[in-house]
N, C-alpha and C. Protein backbone atom coordinates (compact mmCIF):
# COMPACT_ATOMS: atom_id res chain seq x y z
N UNK A 1 35.18 -13.54 -36.18
CA UNK A 1 33.83 -13.21 -35.75
C UNK A 1 33.73 -11.68 -35.62
N UNK A 2 32.65 -11.14 -36.09
CA UNK A 2 32.37 -9.71 -35.98
C UNK A 2 32.23 -9.33 -34.50
N UNK A 3 32.65 -8.13 -34.15
CA UNK A 3 32.62 -7.71 -32.73
C UNK A 3 31.19 -7.69 -32.19
N UNK A 4 30.22 -7.32 -33.01
CA UNK A 4 28.82 -7.33 -32.56
C UNK A 4 28.36 -8.76 -32.28
N UNK A 5 28.84 -9.71 -33.08
CA UNK A 5 28.52 -11.12 -32.82
C UNK A 5 29.17 -11.59 -31.52
N UNK A 6 30.39 -11.13 -31.28
CA UNK A 6 31.09 -11.48 -30.04
C UNK A 6 30.33 -10.97 -28.83
N UNK A 7 29.90 -9.72 -28.88
CA UNK A 7 29.13 -9.13 -27.77
C UNK A 7 27.84 -9.91 -27.56
N UNK A 8 27.12 -10.18 -28.66
CA UNK A 8 25.86 -10.93 -28.57
C UNK A 8 26.10 -12.30 -27.94
N UNK A 9 27.17 -12.97 -28.36
CA UNK A 9 27.49 -14.30 -27.82
C UNK A 9 27.81 -14.22 -26.33
N UNK A 10 28.60 -13.23 -25.90
CA UNK A 10 28.92 -13.08 -24.49
C UNK A 10 27.66 -12.90 -23.65
N UNK A 11 26.75 -12.07 -24.14
CA UNK A 11 25.52 -11.78 -23.40
C UNK A 11 24.62 -13.01 -23.36
N UNK A 12 24.56 -13.75 -24.46
CA UNK A 12 23.71 -14.95 -24.50
C UNK A 12 24.27 -16.09 -23.67
N UNK A 13 25.60 -16.21 -23.59
CA UNK A 13 26.21 -17.35 -22.91
C UNK A 13 26.41 -17.15 -21.42
N UNK A 14 26.21 -15.93 -20.93
CA UNK A 14 26.39 -15.65 -19.51
C UNK A 14 25.10 -15.08 -18.94
N UNK A 15 24.53 -15.80 -17.96
CA UNK A 15 23.28 -15.33 -17.37
C UNK A 15 23.44 -13.96 -16.73
N UNK A 16 24.61 -13.73 -16.13
CA UNK A 16 24.90 -12.44 -15.51
C UNK A 16 26.28 -12.01 -16.00
N UNK A 17 26.34 -10.87 -16.68
CA UNK A 17 27.62 -10.37 -17.18
C UNK A 17 27.70 -8.86 -16.95
N UNK A 18 28.85 -8.46 -16.48
CA UNK A 18 29.10 -7.05 -16.18
C UNK A 18 30.21 -6.55 -17.07
N UNK A 19 29.90 -5.55 -17.87
CA UNK A 19 30.92 -4.86 -18.67
C UNK A 19 31.37 -3.67 -17.83
N UNK A 20 32.65 -3.64 -17.52
CA UNK A 20 33.15 -2.63 -16.57
C UNK A 20 34.56 -2.21 -16.93
N UNK A 21 35.02 -1.19 -16.25
CA UNK A 21 36.40 -0.74 -16.39
C UNK A 21 37.21 -1.40 -15.29
N UNK A 22 38.11 -2.31 -15.70
CA UNK A 22 38.89 -3.07 -14.73
C UNK A 22 38.22 -4.40 -14.45
N UNK A 23 38.51 -4.95 -13.27
CA UNK A 23 37.91 -6.22 -12.85
C UNK A 23 37.22 -6.02 -11.51
N UNK A 24 36.35 -6.96 -11.11
CA UNK A 24 35.67 -6.80 -9.83
C UNK A 24 36.64 -6.62 -8.65
N UNK A 25 37.79 -7.28 -8.71
CA UNK A 25 38.76 -7.16 -7.63
C UNK A 25 39.71 -5.98 -7.80
N UNK A 26 39.74 -5.39 -8.98
CA UNK A 26 40.60 -4.24 -9.24
C UNK A 26 39.91 -3.29 -10.23
N UNK A 27 38.78 -2.69 -9.78
CA UNK A 27 38.06 -1.79 -10.67
C UNK A 27 38.89 -0.53 -10.97
N UNK A 28 38.69 0.00 -12.18
CA UNK A 28 39.47 1.15 -12.62
C UNK A 28 38.68 2.46 -12.61
N UNK A 29 37.48 2.44 -12.08
CA UNK A 29 36.73 3.69 -11.88
C UNK A 29 35.71 3.48 -10.76
N UNK A 30 35.29 4.55 -10.17
CA UNK A 30 34.37 4.48 -9.04
C UNK A 30 33.02 3.86 -9.38
N UNK A 31 32.52 4.17 -10.57
CA UNK A 31 31.22 3.61 -10.98
C UNK A 31 31.33 2.09 -11.14
N UNK A 32 32.41 1.64 -11.75
CA UNK A 32 32.62 0.19 -11.89
C UNK A 32 32.82 -0.46 -10.53
N UNK A 33 33.49 0.22 -9.63
CA UNK A 33 33.71 -0.32 -8.29
C UNK A 33 32.37 -0.50 -7.57
N UNK A 34 31.53 0.52 -7.56
CA UNK A 34 30.25 0.43 -6.85
C UNK A 34 29.35 -0.64 -7.48
N UNK A 35 29.34 -0.71 -8.80
CA UNK A 35 28.48 -1.69 -9.47
C UNK A 35 28.96 -3.11 -9.20
N UNK A 36 30.26 -3.34 -9.33
CA UNK A 36 30.76 -4.70 -9.11
C UNK A 36 30.58 -5.13 -7.66
N UNK A 37 30.74 -4.20 -6.72
CA UNK A 37 30.51 -4.55 -5.31
C UNK A 37 29.06 -4.95 -5.08
N UNK A 38 28.13 -4.21 -5.68
CA UNK A 38 26.71 -4.54 -5.52
C UNK A 38 26.42 -5.93 -6.07
N UNK A 39 26.99 -6.24 -7.23
CA UNK A 39 26.75 -7.56 -7.84
C UNK A 39 27.41 -8.65 -7.00
N UNK A 40 28.63 -8.42 -6.54
CA UNK A 40 29.33 -9.43 -5.71
C UNK A 40 28.57 -9.70 -4.42
N UNK A 41 27.97 -8.67 -3.84
CA UNK A 41 27.24 -8.85 -2.58
C UNK A 41 25.99 -9.71 -2.75
N UNK A 42 25.57 -9.94 -3.99
CA UNK A 42 24.42 -10.82 -4.22
C UNK A 42 24.80 -12.29 -4.06
N UNK A 43 26.10 -12.59 -4.04
CA UNK A 43 26.58 -13.92 -3.71
C UNK A 43 26.52 -14.96 -4.82
N UNK A 44 26.32 -14.54 -6.04
CA UNK A 44 26.28 -15.48 -7.15
C UNK A 44 27.47 -15.21 -8.08
N UNK A 45 27.87 -16.25 -8.80
CA UNK A 45 28.94 -16.09 -9.78
C UNK A 45 28.43 -15.24 -10.95
N UNK A 46 29.33 -14.46 -11.52
CA UNK A 46 28.97 -13.68 -12.70
C UNK A 46 30.21 -13.50 -13.56
N UNK A 47 29.97 -13.26 -14.83
CA UNK A 47 31.06 -12.99 -15.77
C UNK A 47 31.29 -11.49 -15.83
N UNK A 48 32.48 -11.12 -16.24
CA UNK A 48 32.75 -9.70 -16.47
C UNK A 48 33.68 -9.56 -17.66
N UNK A 49 33.63 -8.39 -18.27
CA UNK A 49 34.53 -8.04 -19.36
C UNK A 49 35.12 -6.68 -19.02
N UNK A 50 36.45 -6.62 -19.03
CA UNK A 50 37.16 -5.36 -18.81
C UNK A 50 37.18 -4.60 -20.14
N UNK A 51 36.40 -3.54 -20.25
CA UNK A 51 36.34 -2.80 -21.51
C UNK A 51 37.61 -2.01 -21.78
N UNK A 52 38.42 -1.77 -20.75
CA UNK A 52 39.68 -1.06 -20.97
C UNK A 52 40.67 -1.93 -21.73
N UNK A 53 40.64 -3.24 -21.50
CA UNK A 53 41.56 -4.14 -22.22
C UNK A 53 40.91 -4.73 -23.47
N UNK A 54 39.67 -4.33 -23.75
CA UNK A 54 38.96 -4.77 -24.95
C UNK A 54 38.39 -3.54 -25.68
N UNK A 55 39.26 -2.78 -26.35
CA UNK A 55 38.81 -1.51 -26.95
C UNK A 55 37.70 -1.67 -28.00
N UNK A 56 37.66 -2.81 -28.72
CA UNK A 56 36.59 -3.00 -29.69
C UNK A 56 35.24 -3.13 -29.00
N UNK A 57 35.22 -3.83 -27.88
CA UNK A 57 33.98 -3.95 -27.11
C UNK A 57 33.61 -2.60 -26.51
N UNK A 58 34.61 -1.89 -25.99
CA UNK A 58 34.36 -0.57 -25.40
C UNK A 58 33.73 0.38 -26.43
N UNK A 59 34.18 0.29 -27.67
CA UNK A 59 33.66 1.16 -28.73
C UNK A 59 32.27 0.73 -29.20
N UNK A 60 32.04 -0.57 -29.30
CA UNK A 60 30.82 -1.07 -29.94
C UNK A 60 29.68 -1.44 -29.00
N UNK A 61 29.97 -1.77 -27.75
CA UNK A 61 28.88 -2.15 -26.84
C UNK A 61 27.85 -1.03 -26.67
N UNK A 62 28.27 0.24 -26.54
CA UNK A 62 27.24 1.29 -26.43
C UNK A 62 26.29 1.32 -27.63
N UNK A 63 26.79 1.00 -28.82
CA UNK A 63 25.92 0.94 -30.00
C UNK A 63 24.98 -0.27 -29.90
N UNK A 64 25.55 -1.40 -29.50
CA UNK A 64 24.76 -2.64 -29.38
C UNK A 64 23.64 -2.44 -28.35
N UNK A 65 24.00 -1.84 -27.22
CA UNK A 65 23.08 -1.72 -26.10
C UNK A 65 22.18 -0.49 -26.17
N UNK A 66 22.56 0.46 -27.02
CA UNK A 66 21.90 1.76 -27.03
C UNK A 66 21.97 2.38 -25.63
N UNK A 67 23.13 2.22 -25.00
CA UNK A 67 23.41 2.72 -23.65
C UNK A 67 24.84 3.26 -23.69
N UNK A 68 25.04 4.54 -23.45
CA UNK A 68 26.33 5.16 -23.78
C UNK A 68 27.47 4.95 -22.78
N UNK A 69 27.18 4.51 -21.59
CA UNK A 69 28.20 4.53 -20.54
C UNK A 69 28.51 3.14 -20.00
N UNK A 70 29.58 3.07 -19.22
CA UNK A 70 29.97 1.87 -18.49
C UNK A 70 29.99 2.22 -17.01
N UNK A 71 29.74 1.25 -16.16
CA UNK A 71 29.50 -0.18 -16.42
C UNK A 71 28.10 -0.44 -16.98
N UNK A 72 27.96 -1.66 -17.51
CA UNK A 72 26.66 -2.15 -17.96
C UNK A 72 26.47 -3.55 -17.39
N UNK A 73 25.35 -3.75 -16.70
CA UNK A 73 25.01 -5.07 -16.16
C UNK A 73 23.91 -5.67 -17.03
N UNK A 74 24.17 -6.90 -17.48
CA UNK A 74 23.21 -7.65 -18.28
C UNK A 74 22.81 -8.90 -17.50
N UNK A 75 21.52 -9.19 -17.44
CA UNK A 75 21.02 -10.40 -16.78
C UNK A 75 20.05 -11.08 -17.73
N UNK A 76 20.33 -12.35 -18.02
CA UNK A 76 19.49 -13.15 -18.92
C UNK A 76 19.24 -12.44 -20.25
N UNK A 77 20.30 -11.84 -20.80
CA UNK A 77 20.20 -11.21 -22.11
C UNK A 77 19.58 -9.83 -22.14
N UNK A 78 19.21 -9.31 -20.97
CA UNK A 78 18.58 -7.99 -20.89
C UNK A 78 19.51 -7.01 -20.18
N UNK A 79 19.60 -5.81 -20.72
CA UNK A 79 20.38 -4.77 -20.06
C UNK A 79 19.62 -4.29 -18.83
N UNK A 80 20.25 -4.42 -17.67
CA UNK A 80 19.65 -3.93 -16.43
C UNK A 80 19.91 -2.43 -16.31
N UNK A 81 21.17 -2.04 -16.53
CA UNK A 81 21.51 -0.63 -16.48
C UNK A 81 22.93 -0.42 -16.00
N UNK A 82 23.19 0.81 -15.61
CA UNK A 82 24.51 1.20 -15.15
C UNK A 82 24.56 1.35 -13.64
N UNK A 83 25.53 2.11 -13.19
CA UNK A 83 25.83 2.23 -11.76
C UNK A 83 24.63 2.69 -10.93
N UNK A 84 23.98 3.77 -11.33
CA UNK A 84 22.88 4.31 -10.52
C UNK A 84 21.74 3.31 -10.38
N UNK A 85 21.36 2.69 -11.49
CA UNK A 85 20.25 1.74 -11.47
C UNK A 85 20.62 0.51 -10.64
N UNK A 86 21.81 -0.03 -10.87
CA UNK A 86 22.24 -1.24 -10.14
C UNK A 86 22.35 -0.94 -8.65
N UNK A 87 22.92 0.21 -8.29
CA UNK A 87 23.07 0.57 -6.88
C UNK A 87 21.70 0.70 -6.21
N UNK A 88 20.78 1.36 -6.89
CA UNK A 88 19.43 1.52 -6.32
C UNK A 88 18.74 0.16 -6.16
N UNK A 89 18.87 -0.70 -7.17
CA UNK A 89 18.26 -2.03 -7.08
C UNK A 89 18.89 -2.84 -5.95
N UNK A 90 20.20 -2.68 -5.75
CA UNK A 90 20.88 -3.38 -4.66
C UNK A 90 20.35 -2.91 -3.31
N UNK A 91 20.20 -1.61 -3.17
CA UNK A 91 19.74 -1.04 -1.89
C UNK A 91 18.33 -1.48 -1.54
N UNK A 92 17.46 -1.65 -2.55
CA UNK A 92 16.08 -2.03 -2.22
C UNK A 92 15.83 -3.54 -2.35
N UNK A 93 16.89 -4.32 -2.60
CA UNK A 93 16.77 -5.77 -2.61
C UNK A 93 16.41 -6.39 -3.94
N UNK A 94 16.08 -5.57 -4.94
CA UNK A 94 15.67 -6.11 -6.24
C UNK A 94 16.82 -6.81 -6.96
N UNK A 95 18.03 -6.30 -6.81
CA UNK A 95 19.17 -6.85 -7.54
C UNK A 95 19.45 -8.29 -7.12
N UNK A 96 19.45 -8.54 -5.81
CA UNK A 96 19.71 -9.90 -5.30
C UNK A 96 18.66 -10.87 -5.84
N UNK A 97 17.41 -10.47 -5.82
CA UNK A 97 16.32 -11.31 -6.33
C UNK A 97 16.51 -11.60 -7.81
N UNK A 98 16.85 -10.56 -8.59
CA UNK A 98 17.04 -10.71 -10.03
C UNK A 98 18.21 -11.66 -10.33
N UNK A 99 19.32 -11.45 -9.66
CA UNK A 99 20.51 -12.26 -9.92
C UNK A 99 20.32 -13.68 -9.44
N UNK A 100 19.68 -13.86 -8.30
CA UNK A 100 19.42 -15.23 -7.81
C UNK A 100 18.49 -15.98 -8.76
N UNK A 101 17.50 -15.30 -9.31
CA UNK A 101 16.58 -15.98 -10.24
C UNK A 101 17.30 -16.34 -11.53
N UNK A 102 18.25 -15.51 -11.95
CA UNK A 102 19.03 -15.80 -13.16
C UNK A 102 19.98 -16.97 -12.93
N UNK A 103 20.51 -17.07 -11.72
CA UNK A 103 21.50 -18.11 -11.41
C UNK A 103 20.85 -19.46 -11.13
N UNK A 104 19.56 -19.45 -10.84
CA UNK A 104 18.85 -20.69 -10.53
C UNK A 104 18.40 -21.35 -11.83
N UNK A 105 18.84 -22.58 -12.08
CA UNK A 105 18.42 -23.24 -13.33
C UNK A 105 16.92 -23.49 -13.33
N UNK A 106 16.31 -23.25 -14.48
CA UNK A 106 14.87 -23.49 -14.61
C UNK A 106 14.63 -25.00 -14.58
N UNK A 107 13.53 -25.37 -13.93
CA UNK A 107 13.23 -26.81 -13.81
C UNK A 107 12.13 -27.19 -14.76
């Protein structure tokens, strides 16, 4: 499978996915740490991809997303943003609402 197809599939199959450096429990940079903490505090399950152990994704996701940096939070197939955007949304309550709505199955 082409790496762009892999990225597309990951984003489509996970309602909430965080591309980060390291893992939520062992982040490898401060931006990834702050972003993963904000997402974890929303209390919903989410997927993550460690771009440090996936160099093809690290190289190609910025092209796919048209977003040059990591971390990247995707919700329901849409790029939410990176650390600054996610942190601000967390502080004003928007992030929890967004993630809870993504985690709730449509009826």
